[in-house]
Amino acid sequence: MTGRPQTSRIAALGGHEFRTQPEELAIARHLLALTAAKRPRVCLLPTASGDPRDGITSFYSVMDRFDCEPSHISLFRLERERVDLAGHLLSQDLIYVAGGSMLNLIAIWQAHAIDRILRQAWERGVLLAGQSAGAMCWFEQGITASAGKPRAAPGLGFLPGGLSVHYGRDPDRRQAFLREVANGFPGGYALDDGAGLVFEGRRPIEAFAGRRGARVVRVEADGQQAVELPLHPIPLRRELLWQPDAAIAEMRGLHHRRLASGRRR
């Protein structure tokens, strides 16, 4: 774990999955490159969706394609998968937060003091990243559908303003964000699936897109209405990375299923 920048950084993604499609792999590769580590240590926090085993397995399957050291923390299984939460998280180069319920995510993190540990990690230069709820949680506010109808909810406040995700495919969420900003909700950003923003400190420094046509939008109040200001994300290079042969894939699949069912790396 060398070469970690000391500047606090966050990468927020509108939507991303650990799958083998070129656009999804391009985003994973970009996040690893942002760490500037020779062999990054990467920890998945799948709390927002209840630590699903299939999501954890998919994470390892994708990370195996890169030269990195993946791990995960399951807060729902700490009785069986015991871990020094602070020690493990603070030793990472990249902490990736999966999507799900933002309301549940914040509540569970606070119960385990993960919110305070993550602030320490952020201040020490660990790259924090995540998609959907795992992106909105870093902001003062996010537009969440955790309770049904999309509405504003408080995040951790590491970053100023608000964030809305799944912007292109969820018109109800988009309208909720525009309505909230017009009514005094802090302006901020909206991200399509496959698009992301990188923040250095509390300032955005890069917009990128792994998927063609994925948008990054600045949303601001203009009098009593909200206006959308499209940005120009950098397109990430997409390519199909090396595919293991069937025997290797089967062996790794078995290994990942064991990991997801109770064993940790």
C-alpha atoms as a PDB file:
ATOM      1  CA  MET A   1       0.000   0.000   0.000  1.00  0.00           C
ATOM      2  CA  THR A   2       2.232   2.800  -1.275  1.00  0.00           C
ATOM      3  CA  GLY A   3       1.733   6.144  -2.910  1.00  0.00           C
ATOM      4  CA  ARG A   4      -1.616   6.949  -1.260  1.00  0.00           C
ATOM      5  CA  PRO A   5      -2.481  10.640  -1.791  1.00  0.00           C
ATOM      6  CA  GLN A   6      -3.047  12.476   1.486  1.00  0.00           C
ATOM      7  CA  THR A   7      -5.832  14.619   0.045  1.00  0.00           C
ATOM      8  CA  SER A   8      -9.329  13.515   1.033  1.00  0.00           C
ATOM      9  CA  ARG A   9     -11.136  12.110  -2.003  1.00  0.00           C
ATOM     10  CA  ILE A  10     -14.553  10.638  -2.786  1.00  0.00           C
ATOM     11  CA  ALA A  11     -15.845   9.074  -6.011  1.00  0.00           C
ATOM     12  CA  ALA A  12     -19.650   9.120  -6.293  1.00  0.00           C
ATOM     13  CA  LEU A  13     -21.342   6.871  -8.873  1.00  0.00           C
ATOM     14  CA  GLY A  14     -24.917   7.193 -10.103  1.00  0.00           C
ATOM     15  CA  GLY A  15     -25.167   3.440 -10.609  1.00  0.00           C
ATOM     16  CA  HIS A  16     -22.607   0.662 -10.991  1.00  0.00           C
ATOM     17  CA  GLU A  17     -22.535  -3.100 -10.518  1.00  0.00           C
ATOM     18  CA  PHE A  18     -19.713  -5.602 -10.201  1.00  0.00           C
ATOM     19  CA  ARG A  19     -20.327  -7.277 -13.537  1.00  0.00           C
ATOM     20  CA  THR A  20     -18.150  -8.231 -16.487  1.00  0.00           C
ATOM     21  CA  GLN A  21     -19.597  -5.796 -19.028  1.00  0.00           C
ATOM     22  CA  PRO A  22     -16.851  -3.524 -20.407  1.00  0.00           C
ATOM     23  CA  GLU A  23     -18.461  -0.350 -19.060  1.00  0.00           C
ATOM     24  CA  GLU A  24     -18.694  -1.763 -15.530  1.00  0.00           C
ATOM     25  CA  LEU A  25     -15.110  -3.036 -15.643  1.00  0.00           C
ATOM     26  CA  ALA A  26     -13.928   0.359 -16.906  1.00  0.00           C
ATOM     27  CA  ILE A  27     -15.360   2.023 -13.796  1.00  0.00           C
ATOM     28  CA  ALA A  28     -13.758  -0.534 -11.470  1.00  0.00           C
ATOM     29  CA  ARG A  29     -10.405  -0.075 -13.206  1.00  0.00           C
ATOM     30  CA  HIS A  30     -10.694   3.723 -12.938  1.00  0.00           C
ATOM     31  CA  LEU A  31     -11.400   3.590  -9.207  1.00  0.00           C
ATOM     32  CA  LEU A  32      -8.363   1.375  -8.642  1.00  0.00           C
ATOM     33  CA  ALA A  33      -6.199   3.756 -10.685  1.00  0.00           C
ATOM     34  CA  LEU A  34      -7.379   6.697  -8.581  1.00  0.00           C
ATOM     35  CA  THR A  35      -5.823   5.124  -5.478  1.00  0.00           C
ATOM     36  CA  ALA A  36      -2.314   5.489  -7.008  1.00  0.00           C
ATOM     37  CA  ALA A  37      -1.365   2.318  -5.097  1.00  0.00           C
ATOM     38  CA  LYS A  38       0.740  -0.378  -6.770  1.00  0.00           C
ATOM     39  CA  ARG A  39      -1.527  -3.146  -5.456  1.00  0.00           C
ATOM     40  CA  PRO A  40      -4.558  -1.451  -3.906  1.00  0.00           C
ATOM     41  CA  ARG A  41      -6.313  -2.815  -0.876  1.00  0.00           C
ATOM     42  CA  VAL A  42     -10.041  -2.652  -1.598  1.00  0.00           C
ATOM     43  CA  CYS A  43     -12.801  -3.252   0.939  1.00  0.00           C
ATOM     44  CA  LEU A  44     -16.478  -3.649   0.060  1.00  0.00           C
ATOM     45  CA  LEU A  45     -19.156  -2.410   2.471  1.00  0.00           C
ATOM     46  CA  PRO A  46     -22.435  -3.965   1.244  1.00  0.00           C
ATOM     47  CA  THR A  47     -24.405  -2.747   4.280  1.00  0.00           C
ATOM     48  CA  ALA A  48     -27.131  -0.836   2.437  1.00  0.00           C
ATOM     49  CA  SER A  49     -28.605  -3.989   0.881  1.00  0.00           C
ATOM     50  CA  GLY A  50     -28.143  -6.228   3.921  1.00  0.00           C
ATOM     51  CA  ASP A  51     -24.765  -7.752   2.949  1.00  0.00           C
ATOM     52  CA  PRO A  52     -26.140 -10.068   0.218  1.00  0.00           C
ATOM     53  CA  ARG A  53     -23.895 -13.040  -0.550  1.00  0.00           C
ATOM     54  CA  ASP A  54     -24.413 -12.790  -4.308  1.00  0.00           C
ATOM     55  CA  GLY A  55     -23.273  -9.165  -4.303  1.00  0.00           C
ATOM     56  CA  ILE A  56     -20.172 -10.042  -2.287  1.00  0.00           C
ATOM     57  CA  THR A  57     -19.393 -12.928  -4.654  1.00  0.00           C
ATOM     58  CA  SER A  58     -19.733 -10.653  -7.684  1.00  0.00           C
ATOM     59  CA  PHE A  59     -17.364  -8.161  -6.090  1.00  0.00           C
ATOM     60  CA  TYR A  60     -14.631 -10.787  -5.679  1.00  0.00           C
ATOM     61  CA  SER A  61     -15.229 -12.163  -9.167  1.00  0.00           C
ATOM     62  CA  VAL A  62     -14.579  -8.740 -10.704  1.00  0.00           C
ATOM     63  CA  MET A  63     -11.717  -7.752  -8.412  1.00  0.00           C
ATOM     64  CA  ASP A  64      -9.891 -10.980  -9.350  1.00  0.00           C
ATOM     65  CA  ARG A  65      -9.370  -9.469 -12.793  1.00  0.00           C
ATOM     66  CA  PHE A  66      -7.171  -6.743 -11.332  1.00  0.00           C
ATOM     67  CA  ASP A  67      -3.957  -6.657  -9.335  1.00  0.00           C
ATOM     68  CA  CYS A  68      -5.465  -5.727  -5.978  1.00  0.00           C
ATOM     69  CA  GLU A  69      -6.234  -7.142  -2.511  1.00  0.00           C
ATOM     70  CA  PRO A  70     -10.020  -7.361  -2.086  1.00  0.00           C
ATOM     71  CA  SER A  71     -11.899  -7.870   1.166  1.00  0.00           C
ATOM     72  CA  HIS A  72     -15.330  -7.170   2.571  1.00  0.00           C
ATOM     73  CA  ILE A  73     -16.955  -6.392   5.907  1.00  0.00           C
ATOM     74  CA  SER A  74     -20.398  -7.768   6.686  1.00  0.00           C
ATOM     75  CA  LEU A  75     -21.894  -5.860   9.605  1.00  0.00           C
ATOM     76  CA  PHE A  76     -24.822  -8.306   9.621  1.00  0.00           C
ATOM     77  CA  ARG A  77     -22.479 -11.246  10.283  1.00  0.00           C
ATOM     78  CA  LEU A  78     -19.986  -9.853  12.791  1.00  0.00           C
ATOM     79  CA  GLU A  79     -20.747 -12.664  15.247  1.00  0.00           C
ATOM     80  CA  ARG A  80     -19.258 -15.144  12.761  1.00  0.00           C
ATOM     81  CA  GLU A  81     -16.985 -12.850  10.742  1.00  0.00           C
ATOM     82  CA  ARG A  82     -15.230 -10.927  13.476  1.00  0.00           C
ATOM     83  CA  VAL A  83     -12.973  -8.094  12.403  1.00  0.00           C
ATOM     84  CA  ASP A  84     -11.274  -5.012  13.829  1.00  0.00           C
ATOM     85  CA  LEU A  85     -13.490  -2.507  12.030  1.00  0.00           C
ATOM     86  CA  ALA A  86     -11.294   0.547  12.476  1.00  0.00           C
ATOM     87  CA  GLY A  87      -8.027  -1.295  11.916  1.00  0.00           C
ATOM     88  CA  HIS A  88      -9.232  -2.938   8.734  1.00  0.00           C
ATOM     89  CA  LEU A  89     -10.938   0.078   7.169  1.00  0.00           C
ATOM     90  CA  LEU A  90      -8.130   2.499   7.951  1.00  0.00           C
ATOM     91  CA  SER A  91      -5.611   0.174   6.278  1.00  0.00           C
ATOM     92  CA  GLN A  92      -7.403   0.273   2.909  1.00  0.00           C
ATOM     93  CA  ASP A  93      -6.620   2.260  -0.225  1.00  0.00           C
ATOM     94  CA  LEU A  94     -10.226   2.131  -1.457  1.00  0.00           C
ATOM     95  CA  ILE A  95     -13.469   1.591   0.443  1.00  0.00           C
ATOM     96  CA  TYR A  96     -16.424   0.866  -1.848  1.00  0.00           C
ATOM     97  CA  VAL A  97     -19.982   1.224  -0.549  1.00  0.00           C
ATOM     98  CA  ALA A  98     -22.654  -0.719  -2.427  1.00  0.00           C
ATOM     99  CA  GLY A  99     -26.194   0.507  -3.053  1.00  0.00           C
ATOM    100  CA  GLY A 100     -29.464  -0.210  -1.290  1.00  0.00           C
ATOM    101  CA  SER A 101     -31.328   1.735   1.396  1.00  0.00           C
ATOM    102  CA  MET A 102     -29.645   5.007   2.319  1.00  0.00           C
ATOM    103  CA  LEU A 103     -31.774   5.378   5.459  1.00  0.00           C
ATOM    104  CA  ASN A 104     -30.815   1.929   6.723  1.00  0.00           C
ATOM    105  CA  LEU A 105     -27.194   2.425   5.725  1.00  0.00           C
ATOM    106  CA  ILE A 106     -26.749   5.583   7.813  1.00  0.00           C
ATOM    107  CA  ALA A 107     -28.558   4.098  10.817  1.00  0.00           C
ATOM    108  CA  ILE A 108     -26.524   0.881  10.829  1.00  0.00           C
ATOM    109  CA  TRP A 109     -23.236   2.705  10.350  1.00  0.00           C
ATOM    110  CA  GLN A 110     -24.008   4.996  13.261  1.00  0.00           C
ATOM    111  CA  ALA A 111     -24.823   1.998  15.472  1.00  0.00           C
ATOM    112  CA  HIS A 112     -21.356   0.562  14.759  1.00  0.00           C
ATOM    113  CA  ALA A 113     -19.527   3.936  14.673  1.00  0.00           C
ATOM    114  CA  ILE A 114     -18.628   3.237  11.034  1.00  0.00           C
ATOM    115  CA  ASP A 115     -19.508   6.833  10.152  1.00  0.00           C
ATOM    116  CA  ARG A 116     -16.720   8.094  12.427  1.00  0.00           C
ATOM    117  CA  ILE A 117     -14.232   5.527  11.126  1.00  0.00           C
ATOM    118  CA  LEU A 118     -15.001   6.495   7.544  1.00  0.00           C
ATOM    119  CA  ARG A 119     -14.418  10.158   8.317  1.00  0.00           C
ATOM    120  CA  GLN A 120     -10.997   9.222   9.697  1.00  0.00           C
ATOM    121  CA  ALA A 121     -10.281   7.171   6.577  1.00  0.00           C
ATOM    122  CA  TRP A 122     -11.366  10.062   4.344  1.00  0.00           C
ATOM    123  CA  GLU A 123      -9.169  12.528   6.225  1.00  0.00           C
ATOM    124  CA  ARG A 124      -6.197  10.137   5.913  1.00  0.00           C
ATOM    125  CA  GLY A 125      -6.497   9.916   2.138  1.00  0.00           C
ATOM    126  CA  VAL A 126      -8.333   6.606   1.728  1.00  0.00           C
ATOM    127  CA  LEU A 127     -10.444   6.864  -1.431  1.00  0.00           C
ATOM    128  CA  LEU A 128     -14.128   6.511  -0.519  1.00  0.00           C
ATOM    129  CA  ALA A 129     -16.413   5.409  -3.333  1.00  0.00           C
ATOM    130  CA  GLY A 130     -19.859   4.007  -3.847  1.00  0.00           C
ATOM    131  CA  GLN A 131     -22.921   3.812  -6.039  1.00  0.00           C
ATOM    132  CA  SER A 132     -26.531   4.849  -5.462  1.00  0.00           C
ATOM    133  CA  ALA A 133     -27.009   4.948  -1.649  1.00  0.00           C
ATOM    134  CA  GLY A 134     -23.250   4.416  -1.407  1.00  0.00           C
ATOM    135  CA  ALA A 135     -22.786   7.688  -3.312  1.00  0.00           C
ATOM    136  CA  MET A 136     -25.493   9.848  -1.734  1.00  0.00           C
ATOM    137  CA  CYS A 137     -24.396   8.988   1.804  1.00  0.00           C
ATOM    138  CA  TRP A 138     -21.330  11.254   1.553  1.00  0.00           C
ATOM    139  CA  PHE A 139     -23.384  14.414   0.870  1.00  0.00           C
ATOM    140  CA  GLU A 140     -25.409  16.676   3.124  1.00  0.00           C
ATOM    141  CA  GLN A 141     -28.567  15.404   1.463  1.00  0.00           C
ATOM    142  CA  GLY A 142     -29.607  12.719  -0.977  1.00  0.00           C
ATOM    143  CA  ILE A 143     -32.806  11.888  -2.851  1.00  0.00           C
ATOM    144  CA  THR A 144     -33.628   8.425  -1.572  1.00  0.00           C
ATOM    145  CA  ALA A 145     -36.483   6.039  -2.273  1.00  0.00           C
ATOM    146  CA  SER A 146     -35.705   4.014   0.874  1.00  0.00           C
ATOM    147  CA  ALA A 147     -39.131   4.698   2.343  1.00  0.00           C
ATOM    148  CA  GLY A 148     -41.016   4.374  -0.946  1.00  0.00           C
ATOM    149  CA  LYS A 149     -41.630   7.684  -2.685  1.00  0.00           C
ATOM    150  CA  PRO A 150     -38.360   9.571  -3.478  1.00  0.00           C
ATOM    151  CA  ARG A 151     -37.612  12.280  -0.937  1.00  0.00           C
ATOM    152  CA  ALA A 152     -34.722  14.171   0.607  1.00  0.00           C
ATOM    153  CA  ALA A 153     -32.816  12.564   3.477  1.00  0.00           C
ATOM    154  CA  PRO A 154     -29.664  13.607   5.350  1.00  0.00           C
ATOM    155  CA  GLY A 155     -26.318  12.005   4.592  1.00  0.00           C
ATOM    156  CA  LEU A 156     -23.022  12.149   6.474  1.00  0.00           C
ATOM    157  CA  GLY A 157     -22.172  15.643   5.243  1.00  0.00           C
ATOM    158  CA  PHE A 158     -18.606  14.972   4.116  1.00  0.00           C
ATOM    159  CA  LEU A 159     -19.506  16.760   0.868  1.00  0.00           C
ATOM    160  CA  PRO A 160     -21.667  19.887   0.540  1.00  0.00           C
ATOM    161  CA  GLY A 161     -25.049  20.031  -1.152  1.00  0.00           C
ATOM    162  CA  GLY A 162     -27.212  17.242  -2.480  1.00  0.00           C
ATOM    163  CA  LEU A 163     -26.982  14.305  -4.852  1.00  0.00           C
ATOM    164  CA  SER A 164     -29.531  12.380  -6.881  1.00  0.00           C
ATOM    165  CA  VAL A 165     -28.701   9.080  -8.575  1.00  0.00           C
ATOM    166  CA  HIS A 166     -30.223   6.890 -11.332  1.00  0.00           C
ATOM    167  CA  TYR A 167     -31.165  10.218 -12.847  1.00  0.00           C
ATOM    168  CA  GLY A 168     -31.940   9.163 -16.397  1.00  0.00           C
ATOM    169  CA  ARG A 169     -33.982   6.063 -15.595  1.00  0.00           C
ATOM    170  CA  ASP A 170     -35.937   7.285 -12.566  1.00  0.00           C
ATOM    171  CA  PRO A 171     -38.129  10.285 -13.510  1.00  0.00           C
ATOM    172  CA  ASP A 172     -39.766  10.369 -10.068  1.00  0.00           C
ATOM    173  CA  ARG A 173     -36.383  10.795  -8.396  1.00  0.00           C
ATOM    174  CA  ARG A 174     -35.422  13.514 -10.905  1.00  0.00           C
ATOM    175  CA  GLN A 175     -38.625  15.432 -10.296  1.00  0.00           C
ATOM    176  CA  ALA A 176     -38.187  15.127  -6.535  1.00  0.00           C
ATOM    177  CA  PHE A 177     -34.682  16.588  -6.762  1.00  0.00           C
ATOM    178  CA  LEU A 178     -35.773  19.489  -8.954  1.00  0.00           C
ATOM    179  CA  ARG A 179     -38.705  20.196  -6.663  1.00  0.00           C
ATOM    180  CA  GLU A 180     -36.548  20.093  -3.527  1.00  0.00           C
ATOM    181  CA  VAL A 181     -33.909  22.419  -5.009  1.00  0.00           C
ATOM    182  CA  ALA A 182     -36.607  24.864  -6.133  1.00  0.00           C
ATOM    183  CA  ASN A 183     -37.958  24.827  -2.552  1.00  0.00           C
ATOM    184  CA  GLY A 184     -34.609  25.544  -0.899  1.00  0.00           C
ATOM    185  CA  PHE A 185     -32.918  22.134  -0.823  1.00  0.00           C
ATOM    186  CA  PRO A 186     -29.168  22.663  -1.391  1.00  0.00           C
ATOM    187  CA  GLY A 187     -28.134  22.460  -5.026  1.00  0.00           C
ATOM    188  CA  GLY A 188     -25.797  19.731  -6.081  1.00  0.00           C
ATOM    189  CA  TYR A 189     -25.362  17.029  -8.686  1.00  0.00           C
ATOM    190  CA  ALA A 190     -27.321  14.340 -10.478  1.00  0.00           C
ATOM    191  CA  LEU A 191     -25.745  11.219 -11.934  1.00  0.00           C
ATOM    192  CA  ASP A 192     -26.952   8.703 -14.477  1.00  0.00           C
ATOM    193  CA  ASP A 193     -26.075   5.037 -14.091  1.00  0.00           C
ATOM    194  CA  GLY A 194     -22.549   4.580 -15.392  1.00  0.00           C
ATOM    195  CA  ALA A 195     -21.450   8.143 -14.576  1.00  0.00           C
ATOM    196  CA  GLY A 196     -19.423   9.464 -11.684  1.00  0.00           C
ATOM    197  CA  LEU A 197     -17.857  12.467  -9.996  1.00  0.00           C
ATOM    198  CA  VAL A 198     -14.541  12.634  -8.150  1.00  0.00           C
ATOM    199  CA  PHE A 199     -14.157  15.106  -5.302  1.00  0.00           C
ATOM    200  CA  GLU A 200     -10.875  16.301  -3.838  1.00  0.00           C
ATOM    201  CA  GLY A 201     -11.562  17.710  -0.428  1.00  0.00           C
ATOM    202  CA  ARG A 202     -15.031  19.165  -0.917  1.00  0.00           C
ATOM    203  CA  ARG A 203     -14.463  20.286  -4.509  1.00  0.00           C
ATOM    204  CA  PRO A 204     -15.347  18.299  -7.662  1.00  0.00           C
ATOM    205  CA  ILE A 205     -12.313  17.752  -9.901  1.00  0.00           C
ATOM    206  CA  GLU A 206     -13.454  15.155 -12.448  1.00  0.00           C
ATOM    207  CA  ALA A 207     -16.606  13.895 -14.119  1.00  0.00           C
ATOM    208  CA  PHE A 208     -16.378  10.555 -15.914  1.00  0.00           C
ATOM    209  CA  ALA A 209     -18.605   8.059 -17.695  1.00  0.00           C
ATOM    210  CA  GLY A 210     -18.087   4.361 -18.260  1.00  0.00           C
ATOM    211  CA  ARG A 211     -21.323   4.057 -20.210  1.00  0.00           C
ATOM    212  CA  ARG A 212     -22.003   5.873 -23.465  1.00  0.00           C
ATOM    213  CA  GLY A 213     -24.390   8.765 -22.997  1.00  0.00           C
ATOM    214  CA  ALA A 214     -24.284   8.665 -19.180  1.00  0.00           C
ATOM    215  CA  ARG A 215     -24.767  12.185 -17.852  1.00  0.00           C
ATOM    216  CA  VAL A 216     -23.414  14.274 -15.014  1.00  0.00           C
ATOM    217  CA  VAL A 217     -25.657  17.254 -14.254  1.00  0.00           C
ATOM    218  CA  ARG A 218     -25.217  20.234 -11.965  1.00  0.00           C
ATOM    219  CA  VAL A 219     -28.571  21.249 -10.433  1.00  0.00           C
ATOM    220  CA  GLU A 220     -28.936  24.782  -9.046  1.00  0.00           C
ATOM    221  CA  ALA A 221     -31.699  27.099  -7.887  1.00  0.00           C
ATOM    222  CA  ASP A 222     -32.548  29.996 -10.176  1.00  0.00           C
ATOM    223  CA  GLY A 223     -35.079  32.109  -8.384  1.00  0.00           C
ATOM    224  CA  GLN A 224     -38.002  29.842  -7.558  1.00  0.00           C
ATOM    225  CA  GLN A 225     -37.100  27.091  -9.987  1.00  0.00           C
ATOM    226  CA  ALA A 226     -34.291  24.565 -10.417  1.00  0.00           C
ATOM    227  CA  VAL A 227     -32.105  24.491 -13.507  1.00  0.00           C
ATOM    228  CA  GLU A 228     -30.046  21.604 -14.892  1.00  0.00           C
ATOM    229  CA  LEU A 229     -26.554  22.361 -16.185  1.00  0.00           C
ATOM    230  CA  PRO A 230     -25.069  19.362 -18.030  1.00  0.00           C
ATOM    231  CA  LEU A 231     -21.360  18.741 -17.533  1.00  0.00           C
ATOM    232  CA  HIS A 232     -19.066  16.913 -19.943  1.00  0.00           C
ATOM    233  CA  PRO A 233     -17.815  13.670 -18.375  1.00  0.00           C
ATOM    234  CA  ILE A 234     -14.579  12.109 -19.573  1.00  0.00           C
ATOM    235  CA  PRO A 235     -15.385   8.811 -21.350  1.00  0.00           C
ATOM    236  CA  LEU A 236     -13.523   5.892 -19.827  1.00  0.00           C
ATOM    237  CA  ARG A 237     -11.748   3.410 -22.051  1.00  0.00           C
ATOM    238  CA  ARG A 238     -13.860   0.273 -22.312  1.00  0.00           C
ATOM    239  CA  GLU A 239     -12.412  -3.106 -23.151  1.00  0.00           C
ATOM    240  CA  LEU A 240     -13.187  -6.706 -22.334  1.00  0.00           C
ATOM    241  CA  LEU A 241     -10.576  -7.763 -19.833  1.00  0.00           C
ATOM    242  CA  TRP A 242      -9.052 -11.230 -19.669  1.00  0.00           C
ATOM    243  CA  GLN A 243     -11.570 -14.018 -19.222  1.00  0.00           C
ATOM    244  CA  PRO A 244     -10.458 -17.073 -17.197  1.00  0.00           C
ATOM    245  CA  ASP A 245     -11.012 -20.486 -18.692  1.00  0.00           C
ATOM    246  CA  ALA A 246     -13.919 -22.595 -17.480  1.00  0.00           C
ATOM    247  CA  ALA A 247     -11.951 -24.633 -14.923  1.00  0.00           C
ATOM    248  CA  ILE A 248     -10.424 -21.557 -13.305  1.00  0.00           C
ATOM    249  CA  ALA A 249     -13.769 -19.776 -13.303  1.00  0.00           C
ATOM    250  CA  GLU A 250     -15.439 -22.741 -11.585  1.00  0.00           C
ATOM    251  CA  MET A 251     -12.716 -22.968  -8.940  1.00  0.00           C
ATOM    252  CA  ARG A 252     -12.887 -19.252  -8.228  1.00  0.00           C
ATOM    253  CA  GLY A 253     -16.661 -19.338  -8.090  1.00  0.00           C
ATOM    254  CA  LEU A 254     -16.512 -22.010  -5.389  1.00  0.00           C
ATOM    255  CA  HIS A 255     -13.930 -19.997  -3.461  1.00  0.00           C
ATOM    256  CA  HIS A 256     -16.041 -16.837  -3.613  1.00  0.00           C
ATOM    257  CA  ARG A 257     -19.166 -18.681  -2.474  1.00  0.00           C
ATOM    258  CA  ARG A 258     -17.260 -19.901   0.556  1.00  0.00           C
ATOM    259  CA  LEU A 259     -16.061 -16.381   1.285  1.00  0.00           C
ATOM    260  CA  ALA A 260     -19.560 -14.980   0.998  1.00  0.00           C
ATOM    261  CA  SER A 261     -20.983 -17.655   3.294  1.00  0.00           C
ATOM    262  CA  GLY A 262     -18.755 -16.824   6.228  1.00  0.00           C
ATOM    263  CA  ARG A 263     -15.040 -16.814   5.453  1.00  0.00           C
ATOM    264  CA  ARG A 264     -13.053 -13.635   5.005  1.00  0.00           C
ATOM    265  CA  ARG A 265      -9.801 -12.950   3.189  1.00  0.00           C
END
